[in-house]
Amino acid sequence: MSSLRDQLLKAGVASKQQAKKSSKAVAHQKRTGQSTQSDQARAAAEAALQAKRDADKAANQAQQAARLAKEIDAQARDIIRNSALPRGEGEHYQFQFDGKVKEIGLSATLRSQIVAGQAAIACADEQFFVIPAKAAEKVAERRAELIAIHFDKASDAVDEDDPYADYQIPDDLMW
């Protein structure tokens, strides 16, 4: 039996120059220990590995962001629950939260603290709690949307050109 090279030469598929070139390339690969096919395969494998690393890194970052958001949410809810003030017996206090009017029972002292900005109303797990102003600030740093009512007296600056500046508007009316 003759070699494949001899068969290709007889059939006229390859010329003598192509056969010499092929044999030189094979001899060179044997001498140097390099192969073009393995280089291409290695490059493709490295590219696939890098793509997998990038995808894993993106997925890991997304998981970390979700975990961090959960931790912040849990911290805010813990602050609300742990710093909740006892409401006591009293009148119903109505306020707006998420576009709806909500109502909780408050004592007169808590109502006056809320109006004065010393206390706030916060929501945790669809329940409303009265918390001190300091706790409300901590919750607002984490998740501001959990604060239903917090009057900040520092932001009630009176405009100099306000024609109604002399007329006080009561904000503790019962409705």
N, C-alpha and C. Protein backbone atom coordinates (compact mmCIF):
# COMPACT_ATOMS: atom_id res chain seq x y z
N MET A 1 0.83 -1.18 0.00
CA MET A 1 0.00 0.00 0.00
C MET A 1 0.87 1.24 0.00
N SER A 2 0.44 2.18 -0.75
CA SER A 2 1.20 3.42 -0.80
C SER A 2 0.58 4.43 0.16
N SER A 3 1.33 5.46 0.46
CA SER A 3 0.86 6.45 1.42
C SER A 3 -0.20 7.33 0.78
N LEU A 4 -0.84 8.08 1.58
CA LEU A 4 -1.89 8.98 1.11
C LEU A 4 -1.30 10.03 0.18
N ARG A 5 -0.09 10.46 0.47
CA ARG A 5 0.58 11.45 -0.37
C ARG A 5 0.79 10.90 -1.78
N ASP A 6 1.25 9.65 -1.85
CA ASP A 6 1.47 9.04 -3.16
C ASP A 6 0.15 8.89 -3.91
N GLN A 7 -0.88 8.51 -3.21
CA GLN A 7 -2.19 8.34 -3.85
C GLN A 7 -2.70 9.68 -4.39
N LEU A 8 -2.52 10.77 -3.63
CA LEU A 8 -2.97 12.09 -4.08
C LEU A 8 -2.16 12.56 -5.28
N LEU A 9 -0.85 12.25 -5.30
CA LEU A 9 -0.02 12.62 -6.44
C LEU A 9 -0.45 11.86 -7.69
N LYS A 10 -0.73 10.55 -7.57
CA LYS A 10 -1.17 9.74 -8.70
C LYS A 10 -2.50 10.23 -9.23
N ALA A 11 -3.39 10.59 -8.34
CA ALA A 11 -4.72 11.03 -8.77
C ALA A 11 -4.68 12.43 -9.36
N GLY A 12 -3.61 13.16 -9.15
CA GLY A 12 -3.48 14.51 -9.70
C GLY A 12 -4.16 15.56 -8.84
N VAL A 13 -4.54 15.20 -7.65
CA VAL A 13 -5.19 16.15 -6.74
C VAL A 13 -4.17 17.12 -6.17
N ALA A 14 -2.97 16.67 -5.94
CA ALA A 14 -1.92 17.52 -5.37
C ALA A 14 -0.69 17.46 -6.27
N SER A 15 0.08 18.54 -6.28
CA SER A 15 1.31 18.58 -7.07
C SER A 15 2.49 18.18 -6.19
N LYS A 16 3.66 18.02 -6.82
CA LYS A 16 4.85 17.64 -6.07
C LYS A 16 5.26 18.77 -5.12
N GLN A 17 5.06 20.01 -5.53
CA GLN A 17 5.41 21.15 -4.67
C GLN A 17 4.54 21.15 -3.41
N GLN A 18 3.26 20.88 -3.58
CA GLN A 18 2.36 20.84 -2.42
C GLN A 18 2.75 19.71 -1.48
N ALA A 19 3.16 18.58 -2.04
CA ALA A 19 3.57 17.45 -1.23
C ALA A 19 4.82 17.79 -0.44
N LYS A 20 5.81 18.46 -1.08
CA LYS A 20 7.03 18.85 -0.38
C LYS A 20 6.72 19.84 0.74
N LYS A 21 5.87 20.81 0.39
CA LYS A 21 5.51 21.83 1.39
C LYS A 21 4.83 21.18 2.59
N SER A 22 3.96 20.23 2.34
CA SER A 22 3.26 19.54 3.42
C SER A 22 4.23 18.74 4.28
N SER A 23 5.15 18.04 3.64
CA SER A 23 6.10 17.23 4.41
C SER A 23 7.04 18.12 5.22
N LYS A 24 7.43 19.29 4.67
CA LYS A 24 8.27 20.22 5.41
C LYS A 24 7.53 20.77 6.63
N ALA A 25 6.26 21.07 6.45
CA ALA A 25 5.46 21.60 7.57
C ALA A 25 5.33 20.56 8.67
N VAL A 26 5.14 19.29 8.27
CA VAL A 26 5.02 18.22 9.27
C VAL A 26 6.35 18.04 10.00
N ALA A 27 7.46 18.08 9.27
CA ALA A 27 8.77 17.93 9.89
C ALA A 27 9.06 19.10 10.83
N HIS A 28 8.69 20.30 10.41
CA HIS A 28 8.91 21.48 11.26
C HIS A 28 8.10 21.37 12.55
N GLN A 29 6.87 20.91 12.44
CA GLN A 29 6.03 20.76 13.63
C GLN A 29 6.62 19.72 14.58
N LYS A 30 7.15 18.66 14.03
CA LYS A 30 7.76 17.63 14.88
C LYS A 30 8.99 18.16 15.58
N ARG A 31 9.81 18.95 14.87
CA ARG A 31 11.03 19.50 15.46
C ARG A 31 10.72 20.52 16.55
N THR A 32 9.82 21.43 16.27
CA THR A 32 9.57 22.52 17.22
C THR A 32 8.54 22.16 18.27
N GLY A 33 7.78 21.12 18.03
CA GLY A 33 6.77 20.71 19.01
C GLY A 33 5.54 21.61 18.99
N GLN A 34 5.39 22.40 17.94
CA GLN A 34 4.23 23.28 17.85
C GLN A 34 3.27 22.75 16.80
N SER A 35 2.02 23.02 17.03
CA SER A 35 1.03 22.62 16.05
C SER A 35 0.02 23.75 15.90
N THR A 36 -0.29 24.09 14.69
CA THR A 36 -1.20 25.21 14.45
C THR A 36 -2.62 24.87 14.89
N GLN A 37 -2.98 23.64 14.75
CA GLN A 37 -4.33 23.25 15.17
C GLN A 37 -4.48 23.34 16.68
N SER A 38 -3.47 22.92 17.40
CA SER A 38 -3.57 22.98 18.86
C SER A 38 -3.54 24.44 19.33
N ASP A 39 -2.81 25.31 18.61
CA ASP A 39 -2.81 26.73 18.97
C ASP A 39 -4.19 27.33 18.77
N GLN A 40 -4.82 26.98 17.68
CA GLN A 40 -6.16 27.49 17.42
C GLN A 40 -7.15 26.95 18.46
N ALA A 41 -7.02 25.69 18.78
CA ALA A 41 -7.91 25.09 19.77
C ALA A 41 -7.67 25.71 21.14
N ARG A 42 -6.40 25.94 21.45
CA ARG A 42 -6.06 26.55 22.73
C ARG A 42 -6.62 27.98 22.81
N ALA A 43 -6.49 28.73 21.73
CA ALA A 43 -7.02 30.10 21.70
C ALA A 43 -8.54 30.10 21.84
N ALA A 44 -9.19 29.17 21.18
CA ALA A 44 -10.65 29.07 21.28
C ALA A 44 -11.06 28.68 22.70
N ALA A 45 -10.31 27.77 23.31
CA ALA A 45 -10.62 27.36 24.68
C ALA A 45 -10.41 28.51 25.65
N GLU A 46 -9.34 29.29 25.45
CA GLU A 46 -9.10 30.44 26.32
C GLU A 46 -10.19 31.50 26.16
N ALA A 47 -10.64 31.70 24.93
CA ALA A 47 -11.71 32.67 24.69
C ALA A 47 -13.01 32.21 25.36
N ALA A 48 -13.30 30.93 25.24
CA ALA A 48 -14.51 30.39 25.88
C ALA A 48 -14.40 30.49 27.40
N LEU A 49 -13.21 30.22 27.94
CA LEU A 49 -13.01 30.31 29.38
C LEU A 49 -13.15 31.75 29.86
N GLN A 50 -12.61 32.71 29.09
CA GLN A 50 -12.75 34.12 29.46
C GLN A 50 -14.21 34.56 29.41
N ALA A 51 -14.94 34.11 28.40
CA ALA A 51 -16.36 34.44 28.30
C ALA A 51 -17.12 33.87 29.49
N LYS A 52 -16.77 32.64 29.89
CA LYS A 52 -17.43 32.03 31.05
C LYS A 52 -17.10 32.80 32.32
N ARG A 53 -15.85 33.23 32.46
CA ARG A 53 -15.46 34.02 33.63
C ARG A 53 -16.23 35.33 33.69
N ASP A 54 -16.37 36.00 32.54
CA ASP A 54 -17.11 37.26 32.50
C ASP A 54 -18.57 37.05 32.87
N ALA A 55 -19.17 35.99 32.34
CA ALA A 55 -20.58 35.70 32.66
C ALA A 55 -20.73 35.37 34.14
N ASP A 56 -19.80 34.59 34.69
CA ASP A 56 -19.85 34.26 36.12
C ASP A 56 -19.68 35.50 36.98
N LYS A 57 -18.78 36.39 36.55
CA LYS A 57 -18.55 37.62 37.31
C LYS A 57 -19.81 38.50 37.31
N ALA A 58 -20.46 38.61 36.16
CA ALA A 58 -21.69 39.41 36.08
C ALA A 58 -22.80 38.80 36.94
N ALA A 59 -22.92 37.48 36.90
CA ALA A 59 -23.94 36.81 37.72
C ALA A 59 -23.63 36.98 39.20
N ASN A 60 -22.36 36.91 39.57
CA ASN A 60 -21.95 37.08 40.96
C ASN A 60 -22.25 38.49 41.44
N GLN A 61 -21.98 39.49 40.59
CA GLN A 61 -22.27 40.87 40.97
C GLN A 61 -23.77 41.08 41.15
N ALA A 62 -24.57 40.47 40.28
CA ALA A 62 -26.03 40.60 40.41
C ALA A 62 -26.51 39.95 41.70
N GLN A 63 -25.94 38.80 42.05
CA GLN A 63 -26.32 38.14 43.30
C GLN A 63 -25.91 38.98 44.50
N GLN A 64 -24.73 39.57 44.45
CA GLN A 64 -24.28 40.41 45.57
C GLN A 64 -25.16 41.64 45.71
N ALA A 65 -25.57 42.24 44.60
CA ALA A 65 -26.44 43.41 44.65
C ALA A 65 -27.80 43.04 45.25
N ALA A 66 -28.33 41.89 44.85
CA ALA A 66 -29.62 41.44 45.40
C ALA A 66 -29.49 41.14 46.89
N ARG A 67 -28.39 40.53 47.29
CA ARG A 67 -28.18 40.21 48.70
C ARG A 67 -28.04 41.50 49.52
N LEU A 68 -27.32 42.48 48.98
CA LEU A 68 -27.15 43.75 49.66
C LEU A 68 -28.48 44.48 49.81
N ALA A 69 -29.30 44.44 48.77
CA ALA A 69 -30.63 45.08 48.84
C ALA A 69 -31.49 44.40 49.90
N LYS A 70 -31.40 43.08 49.99
CA LYS A 70 -32.16 42.36 51.02
C LYS A 70 -31.67 42.73 52.42
N GLU A 71 -30.35 42.84 52.58
CA GLU A 71 -29.79 43.21 53.89
C GLU A 71 -30.24 44.61 54.30
N ILE A 72 -30.20 45.54 53.37
CA ILE A 72 -30.62 46.91 53.67
C ILE A 72 -32.10 46.95 54.03
N ASP A 73 -32.91 46.20 53.30
CA ASP A 73 -34.34 46.14 53.59
C ASP A 73 -34.57 45.54 54.98
N ALA A 74 -33.85 44.48 55.31
CA ALA A 74 -34.00 43.85 56.63
C ALA A 74 -33.55 44.80 57.74
N GLN A 75 -32.46 45.54 57.50
CA GLN A 75 -31.99 46.50 58.51
C GLN A 75 -33.05 47.58 58.76
N ALA A 76 -33.64 48.09 57.70
CA ALA A 76 -34.66 49.14 57.85
C ALA A 76 -35.86 48.61 58.63
N ARG A 77 -36.30 47.42 58.30
CA ARG A 77 -37.45 46.83 59.00
C ARG A 77 -37.12 46.55 60.47
N ASP A 78 -35.90 46.11 60.74
CA ASP A 78 -35.49 45.87 62.13
C ASP A 78 -35.46 47.17 62.93
N ILE A 79 -34.95 48.23 62.32
CA ILE A 79 -34.93 49.52 63.01
C ILE A 79 -36.35 49.95 63.35
N ILE A 80 -37.26 49.79 62.41
CA ILE A 80 -38.66 50.18 62.65
C ILE A 80 -39.25 49.37 63.78
N ARG A 81 -39.09 48.06 63.72
CA ARG A 81 -39.71 47.19 64.74
C ARG A 81 -39.08 47.39 66.12
N ASN A 82 -37.76 47.55 66.16
CA ASN A 82 -37.08 47.66 67.46
C ASN A 82 -37.25 49.02 68.12
N SER A 83 -37.52 50.05 67.35
CA SER A 83 -37.64 51.38 67.95
C SER A 83 -39.09 51.86 68.01
N ALA A 84 -40.03 50.97 67.76
CA ALA A 84 -41.45 51.36 67.77
C ALA A 84 -41.88 51.82 69.16
N LEU A 85 -42.60 52.91 69.19
CA LEU A 85 -43.12 53.46 70.45
C LEU A 85 -44.51 52.89 70.69
N PRO A 86 -44.88 52.68 71.96
CA PRO A 86 -46.25 52.21 72.23
C PRO A 86 -47.24 53.31 71.87
N ARG A 87 -48.29 52.95 71.13
CA ARG A 87 -49.23 53.94 70.62
C ARG A 87 -50.19 54.45 71.67
N GLY A 88 -50.59 53.61 72.57
CA GLY A 88 -51.56 54.03 73.59
C GLY A 88 -52.95 54.17 73.01
N GLU A 89 -53.87 54.59 73.84
CA GLU A 89 -55.26 54.77 73.42
C GLU A 89 -55.48 56.22 73.01
N GLY A 90 -56.32 56.43 72.05
CA GLY A 90 -56.61 57.80 71.67
C GLY A 90 -57.38 57.88 70.37
N GLU A 91 -57.31 59.04 69.77
CA GLU A 91 -58.03 59.32 68.54
C GLU A 91 -57.34 58.66 67.35
N HIS A 92 -58.10 58.55 66.28
CA HIS A 92 -57.55 58.02 65.04
C HIS A 92 -56.79 59.12 64.31
N TYR A 93 -55.61 58.78 63.83
CA TYR A 93 -54.78 59.71 63.07
C TYR A 93 -54.77 59.22 61.64
N GLN A 94 -55.17 60.07 60.70
CA GLN A 94 -55.25 59.69 59.30
C GLN A 94 -54.11 60.35 58.53
N PHE A 95 -53.56 59.60 57.59
CA PHE A 95 -52.45 60.09 56.77
C PHE A 95 -52.47 59.38 55.44
N GLN A 96 -51.73 59.91 54.50
CA GLN A 96 -51.68 59.33 53.17
C GLN A 96 -50.40 58.52 53.01
N PHE A 97 -50.56 57.30 52.47
CA PHE A 97 -49.41 56.43 52.23
C PHE A 97 -49.69 55.63 50.96
N ASP A 98 -48.79 55.67 50.01
CA ASP A 98 -48.94 55.00 48.72
C ASP A 98 -50.23 55.40 48.01
N GLY A 99 -50.59 56.65 48.11
CA GLY A 99 -51.77 57.15 47.42
C GLY A 99 -53.09 56.78 48.07
N LYS A 100 -53.04 56.21 49.26
CA LYS A 100 -54.26 55.83 49.97
C LYS A 100 -54.25 56.46 51.35
N VAL A 101 -55.43 56.72 51.87
CA VAL A 101 -55.54 57.27 53.22
C VAL A 101 -55.53 56.11 54.21
N LYS A 102 -54.59 56.17 55.13
CA LYS A 102 -54.46 55.14 56.17
C LYS A 102 -54.82 55.76 57.51
N GLU A 103 -55.06 54.91 58.49
CA GLU A 103 -55.51 55.40 59.79
C GLU A 103 -54.93 54.51 60.89
N ILE A 104 -54.39 55.16 61.93
CA ILE A 104 -53.94 54.42 63.12
C ILE A 104 -54.40 55.19 64.35
N GLY A 105 -54.54 54.48 65.44
CA GLY A 105 -54.92 55.10 66.70
C GLY A 105 -53.69 55.60 67.43
N LEU A 106 -53.72 56.87 67.86
CA LEU A 106 -52.59 57.47 68.56
C LEU A 106 -53.06 58.21 69.80
N SER A 107 -52.19 58.22 70.80
CA SER A 107 -52.47 59.05 71.98
C SER A 107 -52.19 60.51 71.61
N ALA A 108 -52.67 61.42 72.43
CA ALA A 108 -52.50 62.85 72.16
C ALA A 108 -51.02 63.24 72.20
N THR A 109 -50.24 62.61 73.09
CA THR A 109 -48.82 62.97 73.17
C THR A 109 -48.07 62.52 71.91
N LEU A 110 -48.39 61.32 71.42
CA LEU A 110 -47.73 60.85 70.20
C LEU A 110 -48.12 61.72 69.01
N ARG A 111 -49.39 62.11 68.96
CA ARG A 111 -49.85 62.97 67.87
C ARG A 111 -49.06 64.29 67.88
N SER A 112 -48.89 64.87 69.06
CA SER A 112 -48.15 66.14 69.15
C SER A 112 -46.68 65.95 68.81
N GLN A 113 -46.10 64.79 69.16
CA GLN A 113 -44.71 64.51 68.80
C GLN A 113 -44.56 64.37 67.29
N ILE A 114 -45.53 63.74 66.65
CA ILE A 114 -45.47 63.58 65.19
C ILE A 114 -45.56 64.94 64.51
N VAL A 115 -46.49 65.77 64.97
CA VAL A 115 -46.66 67.10 64.39
C VAL A 115 -45.42 67.96 64.62
N ALA A 116 -44.78 67.81 65.78
CA ALA A 116 -43.58 68.59 66.10
C ALA A 116 -42.33 68.06 65.40
N GLY A 117 -42.43 66.91 64.75
CA GLY A 117 -41.27 66.35 64.06
C GLY A 117 -40.39 65.51 64.95
N GLN A 118 -40.83 65.21 66.17
CA GLN A 118 -40.04 64.40 67.10
C GLN A 118 -40.28 62.91 66.91
N ALA A 119 -41.34 62.56 66.19
CA ALA A 119 -41.66 61.16 65.92
C ALA A 119 -42.13 61.06 64.47
N ALA A 120 -42.17 59.84 63.98
CA ALA A 120 -42.59 59.61 62.59
C ALA A 120 -43.40 58.32 62.53
N ILE A 121 -44.11 58.15 61.45
CA ILE A 121 -44.86 56.92 61.22
C ILE A 121 -44.16 56.18 60.09
N ALA A 122 -43.85 54.91 60.32
CA ALA A 122 -43.15 54.10 59.33
C ALA A 122 -43.91 52.81 59.09
N CYS A 123 -43.69 52.22 57.94
CA CYS A 123 -44.38 50.99 57.55
C CYS A 123 -43.37 49.85 57.47
N ALA A 124 -43.72 48.74 58.09
CA ALA A 124 -42.91 47.52 57.98
C ALA A 124 -43.87 46.35 57.87
N ASP A 125 -43.76 45.60 56.79
CA ASP A 125 -44.60 44.43 56.55
C ASP A 125 -46.08 44.78 56.63
N GLU A 126 -46.46 45.87 55.97
CA GLU A 126 -47.84 46.33 55.87
C GLU A 126 -48.45 46.70 57.22
N GLN A 127 -47.64 46.98 58.21
CA GLN A 127 -48.09 47.47 59.51
C GLN A 127 -47.43 48.82 59.74
N PHE A 128 -48.13 49.69 60.46
CA PHE A 128 -47.59 51.03 60.72
C PHE A 128 -47.14 51.13 62.16
N PHE A 129 -45.98 51.76 62.35
CA PHE A 129 -45.38 51.92 63.66
C PHE A 129 -45.00 53.38 63.85
N VAL A 130 -45.09 53.85 65.09
CA VAL A 130 -44.62 55.18 65.44
C VAL A 130 -43.21 55.01 65.98
N ILE A 131 -42.26 55.73 65.37
CA ILE A 131 -40.86 55.60 65.75
C ILE A 131 -40.29 56.99 66.03
N PRO A 132 -39.23 57.09 66.83
CA PRO A 132 -38.59 58.39 67.09
C PRO A 132 -37.99 58.97 65.81
N ALA A 133 -37.76 60.27 65.81
CA ALA A 133 -37.24 60.95 64.62
C ALA A 133 -35.85 60.44 64.23
N LYS A 134 -35.01 60.14 65.21
CA LYS A 134 -33.65 59.63 64.92
C LYS A 134 -33.73 58.30 64.17
N ALA A 135 -34.64 57.43 64.63
CA ALA A 135 -34.82 56.14 63.95
C ALA A 135 -35.37 56.35 62.55
N ALA A 136 -36.26 57.33 62.40
CA ALA A 136 -36.82 57.62 61.07
C ALA A 136 -35.73 58.08 60.11
N GLU A 137 -34.77 58.84 60.61
CA GLU A 137 -33.67 59.28 59.76
C GLU A 137 -32.81 58.10 59.33
N LYS A 138 -32.57 57.15 60.24
CA LYS A 138 -31.79 55.96 59.90
C LYS A 138 -32.52 55.12 58.86
N VAL A 139 -33.84 54.99 59.03
CA VAL A 139 -34.64 54.22 58.07
C VAL A 139 -34.63 54.92 56.72
N ALA A 140 -34.76 56.24 56.73
CA ALA A 140 -34.78 57.00 55.47
C ALA A 140 -33.47 56.88 54.71
N GLU A 141 -32.35 56.72 55.42
CA GLU A 141 -31.07 56.51 54.76
C GLU A 141 -31.06 55.20 53.99
N ARG A 142 -31.75 54.21 54.53
CA ARG A 142 -31.75 52.89 53.91
C ARG A 142 -32.89 52.75 52.90
N ARG A 143 -34.11 53.01 53.32
CA ARG A 143 -35.28 52.88 52.44
C ARG A 143 -36.28 53.98 52.78
N ALA A 144 -36.21 55.08 52.10
CA ALA A 144 -37.04 56.25 52.38
C ALA A 144 -38.52 55.97 52.15
N GLU A 145 -38.84 55.03 51.27
CA GLU A 145 -40.25 54.75 50.98
C GLU A 145 -40.99 54.08 52.13
N LEU A 146 -40.27 53.63 53.16
CA LEU A 146 -40.93 53.03 54.32
C LEU A 146 -41.41 54.08 55.32
N ILE A 147 -40.98 55.31 55.17
CA ILE A 147 -41.42 56.38 56.06
C ILE A 147 -42.72 56.95 55.50
N ALA A 148 -43.80 56.83 56.28
CA ALA A 148 -45.10 57.33 55.83
C ALA A 148 -45.25 58.81 56.17
N ILE A 149 -44.95 59.19 57.39
CA ILE A 149 -45.08 60.57 57.84
C ILE A 149 -43.86 60.94 58.67
N HIS A 150 -43.20 62.04 58.30
CA HIS A 150 -42.12 62.59 59.12
C HIS A 150 -42.04 64.08 58.81
N PHE A 151 -42.47 64.89 59.75
CA PHE A 151 -42.44 66.34 59.58
C PHE A 151 -41.07 66.84 60.00
N ASP A 152 -40.38 67.47 59.08
CA ASP A 152 -39.06 68.03 59.35
C ASP A 152 -39.22 69.53 59.49
N LYS A 153 -39.10 70.02 60.69
CA LYS A 153 -39.32 71.45 60.95
C LYS A 153 -38.22 72.31 60.33
N ALA A 154 -37.05 71.76 60.08
CA ALA A 154 -35.98 72.54 59.48
C ALA A 154 -36.32 72.93 58.04
N SER A 155 -37.13 72.12 57.37
CA SER A 155 -37.48 72.42 55.98
C SER A 155 -38.68 73.35 55.87
N ASP A 156 -39.25 73.79 56.98
CA ASP A 156 -40.40 74.68 56.98
C ASP A 156 -39.97 76.14 56.99
N ALA A 157 -38.93 76.46 56.28
CA ALA A 157 -38.45 77.84 56.23
C ALA A 157 -39.49 78.72 55.54
N VAL A 158 -39.72 79.89 56.10
CA VAL A 158 -40.73 80.79 55.58
C VAL A 158 -40.11 81.66 54.49
N ASP A 159 -40.81 81.76 53.38
CA ASP A 159 -40.36 82.60 52.28
C ASP A 159 -40.57 84.06 52.66
N GLU A 160 -39.61 84.92 52.39
CA GLU A 160 -39.70 86.33 52.78
C GLU A 160 -40.83 87.06 52.04
N ASP A 161 -41.13 86.65 50.82
CA ASP A 161 -42.14 87.31 50.02
C ASP A 161 -43.52 86.70 50.20
N ASP A 162 -43.68 85.79 51.12
CA ASP A 162 -44.97 85.12 51.31
C ASP A 162 -45.97 86.09 51.94
N PRO A 163 -47.07 86.39 51.24
CA PRO A 163 -48.05 87.33 51.80
C PRO A 163 -48.83 86.74 52.98
N TYR A 164 -48.80 85.42 53.12
CA TYR A 164 -49.54 84.77 54.20
C TYR A 164 -48.63 84.32 55.34
N ALA A 165 -47.46 84.89 55.43
CA ALA A 165 -46.49 84.49 56.45
C ALA A 165 -47.01 84.77 57.85
N ASP A 166 -47.85 85.78 58.02
CA ASP A 166 -48.37 86.13 59.35
C ASP A 166 -49.48 85.20 59.80
N TYR A 167 -50.03 84.41 58.89
CA TYR A 167 -51.16 83.54 59.22
C TYR A 167 -50.66 82.11 59.41
N GLN A 168 -50.73 81.63 60.62
CA GLN A 168 -50.28 80.27 60.92
C GLN A 168 -51.34 79.27 60.47
N ILE A 169 -50.88 78.21 59.85
CA ILE A 169 -51.79 77.15 59.41
C ILE A 169 -51.64 75.99 60.38
N PRO A 170 -52.71 75.62 61.06
CA PRO A 170 -52.60 74.50 62.00
C PRO A 170 -52.49 73.19 61.22
N ASP A 171 -51.50 72.38 61.58
CA ASP A 171 -51.34 71.11 60.89
C ASP A 171 -51.69 69.93 61.78
N ASP A 172 -52.29 70.22 62.90
CA ASP A 172 -52.68 69.14 63.80
C ASP A 172 -54.20 69.04 63.91
N LEU A 173 -54.89 69.46 62.87
CA LEU A 173 -56.35 69.40 62.89
C LEU A 173 -56.82 67.96 62.82
N MET A 174 -57.93 67.70 63.44
CA MET A 174 -58.56 66.38 63.36
C MET A 174 -59.43 66.37 62.12
N TRP A 175 -59.39 65.34 61.32
CA TRP A 175 -60.25 65.27 60.16
C TRP A 175 -60.85 63.93 59.99
